[in-house]
All heavy atoms as atom14 arrays in JSON, in Angstrom:
{
  "sequence": "AASKKSNELMAHTYSYLFNLPTTGLRFFTVYGPWGRPDMALFLFCRAI",
  "atom14_mask": [
    [1, 1, 1, 1, 1, 0, 0, 0, 0, 0, 0, 0, 0, 0],
    [1, 1, 1, 1, 1, 0, 0, 0, 0, 0, 0, 0, 0, 0],
    [1, 1, 1, 1, 1, 1, 0, 0, 0, 0, 0, 0, 0, 0],
    [1, 1, 1, 1, 1, 1, 1, 1, 1, 0, 0, 0, 0, 0],
    [1, 1, 1, 1, 1, 1, 1, 1, 1, 0, 0, 0, 0, 0],
    [1, 1, 1, 1, 1, 1, 0, 0, 0, 0, 0, 0, 0, 0],
    [1, 1, 1, 1, 1, 1, 1, 1, 0, 0, 0, 0, 0, 0],
    [1, 1, 1, 1, 1, 1, 1, 1, 1, 0, 0, 0, 0, 0],
    [1, 1, 1, 1, 1, 1, 1, 1, 0, 0, 0, 0, 0, 0],
    [1, 1, 1, 1, 1, 1, 1, 1, 0, 0, 0, 0, 0, 0],
    [1, 1, 1, 1, 1, 0, 0, 0, 0, 0, 0, 0, 0, 0],
    [1, 1, 1, 1, 1, 1, 1, 1, 1, 1, 0, 0, 0, 0],
    [1, 1, 1, 1, 1, 1, 1, 0, 0, 0, 0, 0, 0, 0],
    [1, 1, 1, 1, 1, 1, 1, 1, 1, 1, 1, 1, 0, 0],
    [1, 1, 1, 1, 1, 1, 0, 0, 0, 0, 0, 0, 0, 0],
    [1, 1, 1, 1, 1, 1, 1, 1, 1, 1, 1, 1, 0, 0],
    [1, 1, 1, 1, 1, 1, 1, 1, 0, 0, 0, 0, 0, 0],
    [1, 1, 1, 1, 1, 1, 1, 1, 1, 1, 1, 0, 0, 0],
    [1, 1, 1, 1, 1, 1, 1, 1, 0, 0, 0, 0, 0, 0],
    [1, 1, 1, 1, 1, 1, 1, 1, 0, 0, 0, 0, 0, 0],
    [1, 1, 1, 1, 1, 1, 1, 0, 0, 0, 0, 0, 0, 0],
    [1, 1, 1, 1, 1, 1, 1, 0, 0, 0, 0, 0, 0, 0],
    [1, 1, 1, 1, 1, 1, 1, 0, 0, 0, 0, 0, 0, 0],
    [1, 1, 1, 1, 0, 0, 0, 0, 0, 0, 0, 0, 0, 0],
    [1, 1, 1, 1, 1, 1, 1, 1, 0, 0, 0, 0, 0, 0],
    [1, 1, 1, 1, 1, 1, 1, 1, 1, 1, 1, 0, 0, 0],
    [1, 1, 1, 1, 1, 1, 1, 1, 1, 1, 1, 0, 0, 0],
    [1, 1, 1, 1, 1, 1, 1, 1, 1, 1, 1, 0, 0, 0],
    [1, 1, 1, 1, 1, 1, 1, 0, 0, 0, 0, 0, 0, 0],
    [1, 1, 1, 1, 1, 1, 1, 0, 0, 0, 0, 0, 0, 0],
    [1, 1, 1, 1, 1, 1, 1, 1, 1, 1, 1, 1, 0, 0],
    [1, 1, 1, 1, 0, 0, 0, 0, 0, 0, 0, 0, 0, 0],
    [1, 1, 1, 1, 1, 1, 1, 0, 0, 0, 0, 0, 0, 0],
    [1, 1, 1, 1, 1, 1, 1, 1, 1, 1, 1, 1, 1, 1],
    [1, 1, 1, 1, 0, 0, 0, 0, 0, 0, 0, 0, 0, 0],
    [1, 1, 1, 1, 1, 1, 1, 1, 1, 1, 1, 0, 0, 0],
    [1, 1, 1, 1, 1, 1, 1, 0, 0, 0, 0, 0, 0, 0],
    [1, 1, 1, 1, 1, 1, 1, 1, 0, 0, 0, 0, 0, 0],
    [1, 1, 1, 1, 1, 1, 1, 1, 0, 0, 0, 0, 0, 0],
    [1, 1, 1, 1, 1, 0, 0, 0, 0, 0, 0, 0, 0, 0],
    [1, 1, 1, 1, 1, 1, 1, 1, 0, 0, 0, 0, 0, 0],
    [1, 1, 1, 1, 1, 1, 1, 1, 1, 1, 1, 0, 0, 0],
    [1, 1, 1, 1, 1, 1, 1, 1, 0, 0, 0, 0, 0, 0],
    [1, 1, 1, 1, 1, 1, 1, 1, 1, 1, 1, 0, 0, 0],
    [1, 1, 1, 1, 1, 1, 0, 0, 0, 0, 0, 0, 0, 0],
    [1, 1, 1, 1, 1, 1, 1, 1, 1, 1, 1, 0, 0, 0],
    [1, 1, 1, 1, 1, 0, 0, 0, 0, 0, 0, 0, 0, 0],
    [1, 1, 1, 1, 1, 1, 1, 1, 0, 0, 0, 0, 0, 0]
  ],
  "atom14_positions": [
    [[0.13, -12.27, 7.67], [1.26, -11.61, 7.01], [1.01, -11.47, 5.51], [1.3, -10.43, 4.91], [2.54, -12.4, 7.27], [0.0, 0.0, 0.0], [0.0, 0.0, 0.0], [0.0, 0.0, 0.0], [0.0, 0.0, 0.0], [0.0, 0.0, 0.0], [0.0, 0.0, 0.0], [0.0, 0.0, 0.0], [0.0, 0.0, 0.0], [0.0, 0.0, 0.0]],
    [[0.47, -12.51, 4.9], [0.18, -12.47, 3.46], [-0.85, -11.38, 3.15], [-0.75, -10.7, 2.12], [-0.32, -13.83, 2.98], [0.0, 0.0, 0.0], [0.0, 0.0, 0.0], [0.0, 0.0, 0.0], [0.0, 0.0, 0.0], [0.0, 0.0, 0.0], [0.0, 0.0, 0.0], [0.0, 0.0, 0.0], [0.0, 0.0, 0.0], [0.0, 0.0, 0.0]],
    [[-1.83, -11.2, 4.02], [-2.85, -10.17, 3.78], [-2.23, -8.77, 3.86], [-2.61, -7.87, 3.12], [-4.01, -10.31, 4.78], [-3.65, -9.9, 6.09], [0.0, 0.0, 0.0], [0.0, 0.0, 0.0], [0.0, 0.0, 0.0], [0.0, 0.0, 0.0], [0.0, 0.0, 0.0], [0.0, 0.0, 0.0], [0.0, 0.0, 0.0], [0.0, 0.0, 0.0]],
    [[-1.27, -8.6, 4.76], [-0.6, -7.3, 4.88], [0.32, -7.03, 3.69], [0.41, -5.91, 3.19], [0.17, -7.23, 6.2], [-0.72, -7.13, 7.42], [-1.58, -5.89, 7.36], [-2.43, -5.69, 8.58], [-3.22, -4.43, 8.51], [0.0, 0.0, 0.0], [0.0, 0.0, 0.0], [0.0, 0.0, 0.0], [0.0, 0.0, 0.0], [0.0, 0.0, 0.0]],
    [[0.99, -8.06, 3.24], [1.8, -7.94, 2.02], [0.91, -7.58, 0.83], [1.26, -6.73, 0.0], [2.53, -9.26, 1.76], [3.1, -9.46, 0.36], [4.31, -8.62, 0.08], [4.93, -9.03, -1.27], [6.09, -8.24, -1.63], [0.0, 0.0, 0.0], [0.0, 0.0, 0.0], [0.0, 0.0, 0.0], [0.0, 0.0, 0.0], [0.0, 0.0, 0.0]],
    [[-0.27, -8.18, 0.76], [-1.19, -7.88, -0.34], [-1.65, -6.42, -0.28], [-1.83, -5.78, -1.32], [-2.41, -8.82, -0.3], [-3.31, -8.47, 0.73], [0.0, 0.0, 0.0], [0.0, 0.0, 0.0], [0.0, 0.0, 0.0], [0.0, 0.0, 0.0], [0.0, 0.0, 0.0], [0.0, 0.0, 0.0], [0.0, 0.0, 0.0], [0.0, 0.0, 0.0]],
    [[-1.81, -5.89, 0.93], [-2.18, -4.47, 1.07], [-1.13, -3.58, 0.43], [-1.46, -2.6, -0.26], [-2.33, -4.1, 2.55], [-3.58, -4.65, 3.19], [-3.75, -4.51, 4.4], [-4.45, -5.29, 2.43], [0.0, 0.0, 0.0], [0.0, 0.0, 0.0], [0.0, 0.0, 0.0], [0.0, 0.0, 0.0], [0.0, 0.0, 0.0], [0.0, 0.0, 0.0]],
    [[0.14, -3.91, 0.64], [1.22, -3.1, 0.06], [1.19, -3.18, -1.46], [1.38, -2.16, -2.15], [2.56, -3.6, 0.6], [2.73, -3.4, 2.1], [4.04, -3.93, 2.65], [4.86, -4.44, 1.82], [4.26, -3.83, 3.87], [0.0, 0.0, 0.0], [0.0, 0.0, 0.0], [0.0, 0.0, 0.0], [0.0, 0.0, 0.0], [0.0, 0.0, 0.0]],
    [[0.94, -4.37, -2.0], [0.88, -4.54, -3.45], [-0.31, -3.79, -4.05], [-0.18, -3.13, -5.09], [0.79, -6.02, -3.8], [2.0, -6.89, -3.42], [1.68, -8.36, -3.66], [3.23, -6.47, -4.21], [0.0, 0.0, 0.0], [0.0, 0.0, 0.0], [0.0, 0.0, 0.0], [0.0, 0.0, 0.0], [0.0, 0.0, 0.0], [0.0, 0.0, 0.0]],
    [[-1.47, -3.9, -3.41], [-2.66, -3.2, -3.91], [-2.47, -1.69, -3.83], [-2.86, -0.95, -4.75], [-3.89, -3.64, -3.12], [-4.31, -5.08, -3.39], [-5.9, -5.51, -2.63], [-5.43, -5.65, -0.92], [0.0, 0.0, 0.0], [0.0, 0.0, 0.0], [0.0, 0.0, 0.0], [0.0, 0.0, 0.0], [0.0, 0.0, 0.0], [0.0, 0.0, 0.0]],
    [[-1.86, -1.22, -2.73], [-1.63, 0.21, -2.58], [-0.73, 0.73, -3.7], [-0.99, 1.79, -4.28], [-1.01, 0.5, -1.22], [0.0, 0.0, 0.0], [0.0, 0.0, 0.0], [0.0, 0.0, 0.0], [0.0, 0.0, 0.0], [0.0, 0.0, 0.0], [0.0, 0.0, 0.0], [0.0, 0.0, 0.0], [0.0, 0.0, 0.0], [0.0, 0.0, 0.0]],
    [[0.32, -0.03, -4.02], [1.21, 0.42, -5.1], [0.47, 0.52, -6.43], [0.66, 1.46, -7.21], [2.41, -0.52, -5.27], [3.34, -0.05, -6.34], [3.26, -0.5, -7.66], [4.35, 0.86, -6.33], [4.17, 0.11, -8.38], [4.85, 0.94, -7.61], [0.0, 0.0, 0.0], [0.0, 0.0, 0.0], [0.0, 0.0, 0.0], [0.0, 0.0, 0.0]],
    [[-0.4, -0.45, -6.68], [-1.17, -0.44, -7.92], [-2.0, 0.83, -8.04], [-2.04, 1.48, -9.09], [-2.08, -1.68, -8.0], [-1.28, -2.86, -7.9], [-2.85, -1.71, -9.3], [0.0, 0.0, 0.0], [0.0, 0.0, 0.0], [0.0, 0.0, 0.0], [0.0, 0.0, 0.0], [0.0, 0.0, 0.0], [0.0, 0.0, 0.0], [0.0, 0.0, 0.0]],
    [[-2.66, 1.21, -6.94], [-3.51, 2.41, -6.95], [-2.66, 3.68, -7.02], [-3.06, 4.68, -7.64], [-4.44, 2.43, -5.74], [-5.72, 1.66, -6.0], [-5.71, 0.27, -6.12], [-6.93, 2.32, -6.17], [-6.87, -0.44, -6.38], [-8.1, 1.62, -6.43], [-8.06, 0.25, -6.54], [-9.22, -0.45, -6.82], [0.0, 0.0, 0.0], [0.0, 0.0, 0.0]],
    [[-1.5, 3.65, -6.39], [-0.6, 4.8, -6.49], [-0.15, 4.99, -7.94], [-0.07, 6.12, -8.44], [0.63, 4.6, -5.59], [0.26, 4.61, -4.23], [0.0, 0.0, 0.0], [0.0, 0.0, 0.0], [0.0, 0.0, 0.0], [0.0, 0.0, 0.0], [0.0, 0.0, 0.0], [0.0, 0.0, 0.0], [0.0, 0.0, 0.0], [0.0, 0.0, 0.0]],
    [[0.15, 3.89, -8.6], [0.65, 3.95, -9.98], [-0.45, 4.29, -10.98], [-0.28, 5.17, -11.84], [1.29, 2.61, -10.35], [1.91, 2.61, -11.73], [3.16, 3.17, -11.95], [1.23, 2.06, -12.82], [3.73, 3.18, -13.21], [1.79, 2.07, -14.08], [3.04, 2.63, -14.28], [3.59, 2.65, -15.54], [0.0, 0.0, 0.0], [0.0, 0.0, 0.0]],
    [[-1.6, 3.62, -10.87], [-2.66, 3.81, -11.85], [-3.42, 5.12, -11.67], [-3.8, 5.77, -12.65], [-3.66, 2.65, -11.78], [-3.18, 1.28, -12.27], [-4.27, 0.24, -12.02], [-2.82, 1.32, -13.75], [0.0, 0.0, 0.0], [0.0, 0.0, 0.0], [0.0, 0.0, 0.0], [0.0, 0.0, 0.0], [0.0, 0.0, 0.0], [0.0, 0.0, 0.0]],
    [[-3.62, 5.51, -10.41], [-4.52, 6.64, -10.14], [-3.85, 7.8, -9.41], [-4.52, 8.73, -8.97], [-5.72, 6.14, -9.31], [-6.4, 4.94, -9.92], [-6.39, 3.72, -9.27], [-7.04, 5.02, -11.15], [-7.01, 2.6, -9.83], [-7.65, 3.93, -11.72], [-7.64, 2.71, -11.05], [0.0, 0.0, 0.0], [0.0, 0.0, 0.0], [0.0, 0.0, 0.0]],
    [[-2.51, 7.72, -9.27], [-1.75, 8.8, -8.63], [-2.23, 9.07, -7.2], [-2.23, 10.21, -6.73], [-1.83, 10.09, -9.45], [-0.67, 11.02, -9.17], [0.46, 10.57, -8.97], [-0.94, 12.31, -9.13], [0.0, 0.0, 0.0], [0.0, 0.0, 0.0], [0.0, 0.0, 0.0], [0.0, 0.0, 0.0], [0.0, 0.0, 0.0], [0.0, 0.0, 0.0]],
    [[-2.67, 8.01, -6.51], [-3.11, 8.11, -5.13], [-1.89, 7.95, -4.21], [-1.3, 6.87, -4.16], [-4.15, 7.03, -4.82], [-4.56, 6.87, -3.35], [-5.27, 8.13, -2.85], [-5.45, 5.64, -3.16], [0.0, 0.0, 0.0], [0.0, 0.0, 0.0], [0.0, 0.0, 0.0], [0.0, 0.0, 0.0], [0.0, 0.0, 0.0], [0.0, 0.0, 0.0]],
    [[-1.48, 8.98, -3.47], [-0.34, 8.84, -2.56], [-0.67, 7.86, -1.43], [-1.67, 8.04, -0.72], [-0.14, 10.26, -2.01], [-0.77, 11.16, -3.03], [-1.96, 10.39, -3.54], [0.0, 0.0, 0.0], [0.0, 0.0, 0.0], [0.0, 0.0, 0.0], [0.0, 0.0, 0.0], [0.0, 0.0, 0.0], [0.0, 0.0, 0.0], [0.0, 0.0, 0.0]],
    [[0.15, 6.83, -1.28], [-0.06, 5.84, -0.22], [1.23, 5.61, 0.54], [2.31, 5.54, -0.04], [-0.55, 4.49, -0.79], [0.48, 3.89, -1.58], [-1.81, 4.65, -1.61], [0.0, 0.0, 0.0], [0.0, 0.0, 0.0], [0.0, 0.0, 0.0], [0.0, 0.0, 0.0], [0.0, 0.0, 0.0], [0.0, 0.0, 0.0], [0.0, 0.0, 0.0]],
    [[1.1, 5.47, 1.86], [2.24, 5.15, 2.73], [1.88, 3.99, 3.63], [0.9, 4.06, 4.38], [2.64, 6.37, 3.59], [2.95, 7.48, 2.75], [3.85, 6.03, 4.46], [0.0, 0.0, 0.0], [0.0, 0.0, 0.0], [0.0, 0.0, 0.0], [0.0, 0.0, 0.0], [0.0, 0.0, 0.0], [0.0, 0.0, 0.0], [0.0, 0.0, 0.0]],
    [[2.65, 2.91, 3.54], [2.43, 1.74, 4.38], [3.4, 1.73, 5.56], [4.59, 2.04, 5.4], [0.0, 0.0, 0.0], [0.0, 0.0, 0.0], [0.0, 0.0, 0.0], [0.0, 0.0, 0.0], [0.0, 0.0, 0.0], [0.0, 0.0, 0.0], [0.0, 0.0, 0.0], [0.0, 0.0, 0.0], [0.0, 0.0, 0.0], [0.0, 0.0, 0.0]],
    [[2.89, 1.4, 6.75], [3.7, 1.39, 7.97], [3.78, -0.02, 8.52], [2.76, -0.59, 8.92], [3.09, 2.34, 9.01], [2.95, 3.81, 8.59], [2.22, 4.59, 9.67], [4.32, 4.42, 8.31], [0.0, 0.0, 0.0], [0.0, 0.0, 0.0], [0.0, 0.0, 0.0], [0.0, 0.0, 0.0], [0.0, 0.0, 0.0], [0.0, 0.0, 0.0]],
    [[4.97, -0.57, 8.53], [5.18, -1.91, 9.09], [5.45, -1.78, 10.59], [6.56, -1.49, 11.01], [6.34, -2.61, 8.38], [6.04, -2.92, 6.92], [7.27, -3.49, 6.22], [6.97, -3.83, 4.82], [7.89, -4.13, 3.91], [9.18, -4.15, 4.25], [7.53, -4.41, 2.67], [0.0, 0.0, 0.0], [0.0, 0.0, 0.0], [0.0, 0.0, 0.0]],
    [[4.4, -1.98, 11.39], [4.51, -1.84, 12.84], [5.26, -3.02, 13.46], [5.05, -4.16, 13.08], [3.12, -1.74, 13.48], [2.37, -0.48, 13.15], [1.18, -0.53, 12.46], [2.86, 0.75, 13.54], [0.47, 0.63, 12.16], [2.17, 1.92, 13.24], [0.98, 1.86, 12.55], [0.0, 0.0, 0.0], [0.0, 0.0, 0.0], [0.0, 0.0, 0.0]],
    [[6.08, -2.71, 14.47], [6.84, -3.73, 15.19], [6.39, -3.79, 16.65], [6.69, -2.91, 17.45], [8.34, -3.41, 15.13], [9.01, -3.81, 13.85], [8.73, -3.14, 12.67], [9.91, -4.86, 13.81], [9.35, -3.49, 11.48], [10.53, -5.24, 12.62], [10.24, -4.55, 11.45], [0.0, 0.0, 0.0], [0.0, 0.0, 0.0], [0.0, 0.0, 0.0]],
    [[5.64, -4.83, 17.01], [5.24, -5.17, 18.38], [4.94, -3.94, 19.24], [5.71, -3.58, 20.14], [6.3, -6.05, 19.08], [6.76, -7.05, 18.16], [5.69, -6.74, 20.29], [0.0, 0.0, 0.0], [0.0, 0.0, 0.0], [0.0, 0.0, 0.0], [0.0, 0.0, 0.0], [0.0, 0.0, 0.0], [0.0, 0.0, 0.0], [0.0, 0.0, 0.0]],
    [[3.83, -3.31, 18.96], [3.41, -2.11, 19.68], [2.83, -2.51, 21.04], [2.08, -3.47, 21.14], [2.36, -1.32, 18.87], [2.07, 0.01, 19.54], [2.84, -1.11, 17.43], [0.0, 0.0, 0.0], [0.0, 0.0, 0.0], [0.0, 0.0, 0.0], [0.0, 0.0, 0.0], [0.0, 0.0, 0.0], [0.0, 0.0, 0.0], [0.0, 0.0, 0.0]],
    [[3.2, -1.77, 22.09], [2.69, -2.07, 23.43], [2.44, -0.77, 24.18], [2.93, 0.3, 23.8], [3.68, -2.94, 24.2], [4.9, -2.19, 24.71], [4.98, -1.78, 26.04], [5.97, -1.87, 23.86], [6.09, -1.08, 26.51], [7.07, -1.17, 24.31], [7.13, -0.77, 25.64], [8.21, -0.07, 26.1], [0.0, 0.0, 0.0], [0.0, 0.0, 0.0]],
    [[1.67, -0.86, 25.26], [1.41, 0.31, 26.09], [0.0, 0.28, 26.65], [-0.76, -0.67, 26.44], [0.0, 0.0, 0.0], [0.0, 0.0, 0.0], [0.0, 0.0, 0.0], [0.0, 0.0, 0.0], [0.0, 0.0, 0.0], [0.0, 0.0, 0.0], [0.0, 0.0, 0.0], [0.0, 0.0, 0.0], [0.0, 0.0, 0.0], [0.0, 0.0, 0.0]],
    [[-0.38, 1.33, 27.42], [-1.72, 1.41, 28.01], [-2.82, 1.26, 26.97], [-2.69, 1.73, 25.85], [-1.73, 2.82, 28.63], [-0.3, 3.11, 28.92], [0.48, 2.47, 27.81], [0.0, 0.0, 0.0], [0.0, 0.0, 0.0], [0.0, 0.0, 0.0], [0.0, 0.0, 0.0], [0.0, 0.0, 0.0], [0.0, 0.0, 0.0], [0.0, 0.0, 0.0]],
    [[-3.9, 0.59, 27.34], [-5.05, 0.31, 26.5], [-4.73, -0.71, 25.41], [-5.44, -0.83, 24.42], [-5.62, 1.59, 25.85], [-6.13, 2.6, 26.83], [-5.45, 3.66, 27.34], [-7.43, 2.64, 27.43], [-6.24, 4.36, 28.22], [-7.47, 3.76, 28.28], [-8.59, 1.85, 27.31], [-8.59, 4.1, 29.03], [-9.69, 2.2, 28.05], [-9.7, 3.31, 28.9]],
    [[-3.66, -1.49, 25.62], [-3.23, -2.47, 24.62], [-4.18, -3.64, 24.45], [-5.15, -3.8, 25.2], [0.0, 0.0, 0.0], [0.0, 0.0, 0.0], [0.0, 0.0, 0.0], [0.0, 0.0, 0.0], [0.0, 0.0, 0.0], [0.0, 0.0, 0.0], [0.0, 0.0, 0.0], [0.0, 0.0, 0.0], [0.0, 0.0, 0.0], [0.0, 0.0, 0.0]],
    [[-3.88, -4.48, 23.46], [-4.75, -5.61, 23.12], [-4.57, -6.77, 24.09], [-3.43, -7.14, 24.42], [-4.44, -6.1, 21.7], [-5.09, -5.28, 20.62], [-4.64, -5.64, 19.23], [-4.27, -7.04, 19.04], [-3.44, -7.45, 18.08], [-2.89, -6.58, 17.26], [-3.17, -8.73, 17.95], [0.0, 0.0, 0.0], [0.0, 0.0, 0.0], [0.0, 0.0, 0.0]],
    [[-5.67, -7.41, 24.52], [-5.6, -8.53, 25.46], [-4.95, -9.79, 24.9], [-4.61, -10.69, 25.67], [-7.08, -8.81, 25.8], [-7.81, -7.57, 25.45], [-7.07, -6.98, 24.28], [0.0, 0.0, 0.0], [0.0, 0.0, 0.0], [0.0, 0.0, 0.0], [0.0, 0.0, 0.0], [0.0, 0.0, 0.0], [0.0, 0.0, 0.0], [0.0, 0.0, 0.0]],
    [[-4.8, -9.88, 23.58], [-4.18, -11.07, 22.99], [-2.67, -10.91, 22.82], [-2.0, -11.84, 22.37], [-4.82, -11.38, 21.63], [-4.61, -10.27, 20.61], [-4.68, -9.09, 21.0], [-4.38, -10.58, 19.42], [0.0, 0.0, 0.0], [0.0, 0.0, 0.0], [0.0, 0.0, 0.0], [0.0, 0.0, 0.0], [0.0, 0.0, 0.0], [0.0, 0.0, 0.0]],
    [[-2.13, -9.76, 23.2], [-0.69, -9.53, 23.07], [0.05, -9.99, 24.32], [-0.51, -10.06, 25.42], [-0.43, -8.05, 22.82], [-1.04, -7.51, 21.53], [-0.32, -8.25, 20.04], [1.24, -7.35, 19.97], [0.0, 0.0, 0.0], [0.0, 0.0, 0.0], [0.0, 0.0, 0.0], [0.0, 0.0, 0.0], [0.0, 0.0, 0.0], [0.0, 0.0, 0.0]],
    [[1.34, -10.27, 24.16], [2.13, -10.89, 25.22], [2.12, -10.08, 26.52], [1.96, -10.66, 27.6], [3.57, -11.08, 24.74], [0.0, 0.0, 0.0], [0.0, 0.0, 0.0], [0.0, 0.0, 0.0], [0.0, 0.0, 0.0], [0.0, 0.0, 0.0], [0.0, 0.0, 0.0], [0.0, 0.0, 0.0], [0.0, 0.0, 0.0], [0.0, 0.0, 0.0]],
    [[2.3, -8.77, 26.45], [2.37, -7.97, 27.66], [1.1, -8.1, 28.48], [1.13, -8.28, 29.71], [2.63, -6.5, 27.31], [2.67, -5.52, 28.49], [3.67, -5.95, 29.54], [3.02, -4.11, 27.99], [0.0, 0.0, 0.0], [0.0, 0.0, 0.0], [0.0, 0.0, 0.0], [0.0, 0.0, 0.0], [0.0, 0.0, 0.0], [0.0, 0.0, 0.0]],
    [[-0.04, -8.02, 27.83], [-1.33, -8.14, 28.51], [-1.48, -9.53, 29.13], [-1.86, -9.67, 30.31], [-2.45, -7.88, 27.5], [-3.71, -7.32, 28.08], [-4.12, -6.03, 27.78], [-4.52, -8.09, 28.91], [-5.3, -5.5, 28.3], [-5.69, -7.58, 29.44], [-6.08, -6.28, 29.13], [0.0, 0.0, 0.0], [0.0, 0.0, 0.0], [0.0, 0.0, 0.0]],
    [[-1.19, -10.56, 28.35], [-1.32, -11.94, 28.81], [-0.39, -12.22, 29.99], [-0.79, -12.84, 30.99], [-1.03, -12.91, 27.67], [-2.02, -12.91, 26.5], [-1.45, -13.72, 25.34], [-3.37, -13.49, 26.93], [0.0, 0.0, 0.0], [0.0, 0.0, 0.0], [0.0, 0.0, 0.0], [0.0, 0.0, 0.0], [0.0, 0.0, 0.0], [0.0, 0.0, 0.0]],
    [[0.85, -11.78, 29.88], [1.83, -12.02, 30.94], [1.45, -11.27, 32.22], [1.53, -11.82, 33.32], [3.23, -11.58, 30.49], [3.84, -12.45, 29.43], [4.99, -12.04, 28.76], [3.29, -13.67, 29.07], [5.58, -12.84, 27.78], [3.86, -14.48, 28.09], [5.01, -14.05, 27.44], [0.0, 0.0, 0.0], [0.0, 0.0, 0.0], [0.0, 0.0, 0.0]],
    [[1.06, -10.01, 32.05], [0.7, -9.18, 33.2], [-0.46, -9.81, 33.97], [-0.39, -9.97, 35.2], [0.34, -7.78, 32.72], [-0.2, -6.66, 34.03], [0.0, 0.0, 0.0], [0.0, 0.0, 0.0], [0.0, 0.0, 0.0], [0.0, 0.0, 0.0], [0.0, 0.0, 0.0], [0.0, 0.0, 0.0], [0.0, 0.0, 0.0], [0.0, 0.0, 0.0]],
    [[-1.5, -10.19, 33.26], [-2.68, -10.78, 33.92], [-2.32, -12.08, 34.64], [-2.71, -12.29, 35.8], [-3.78, -11.03, 32.89], [-4.99, -11.78, 33.43], [-6.11, -11.81, 32.4], [-6.74, -10.51, 32.28], [-7.64, -10.19, 31.34], [-7.97, -11.09, 30.42], [-8.17, -8.99, 31.32], [0.0, 0.0, 0.0], [0.0, 0.0, 0.0], [0.0, 0.0, 0.0]],
    [[-1.57, -12.94, 33.96], [-1.23, -14.24, 34.55], [-0.34, -14.08, 35.79], [-0.57, -14.75, 36.82], [-0.54, -15.11, 33.51], [0.0, 0.0, 0.0], [0.0, 0.0, 0.0], [0.0, 0.0, 0.0], [0.0, 0.0, 0.0], [0.0, 0.0, 0.0], [0.0, 0.0, 0.0], [0.0, 0.0, 0.0], [0.0, 0.0, 0.0], [0.0, 0.0, 0.0]],
    [[0.64, -13.21, 35.73], [1.55, -13.02, 36.86], [0.81, -12.46, 38.06], [0.99, -12.91, 39.2], [2.73, -12.11, 36.46], [3.62, -12.8, 35.42], [3.56, -11.72, 37.69], [4.67, -11.91, 34.8], [0.0, 0.0, 0.0], [0.0, 0.0, 0.0], [0.0, 0.0, 0.0], [0.0, 0.0, 0.0], [0.0, 0.0, 0.0], [0.0, 0.0, 0.0]]
  ]
}
């Protein structure tokens, strides 16, 4: 979480100093086909 927060801070710095347009997206528990094996849906599905 701290590394992601740092990304937002660094992006703002570059937007301000160098006029680089940046947009940060805070993703909330993404799931679906081809998902990650370390996520709950994958783990639960396999175990069940």
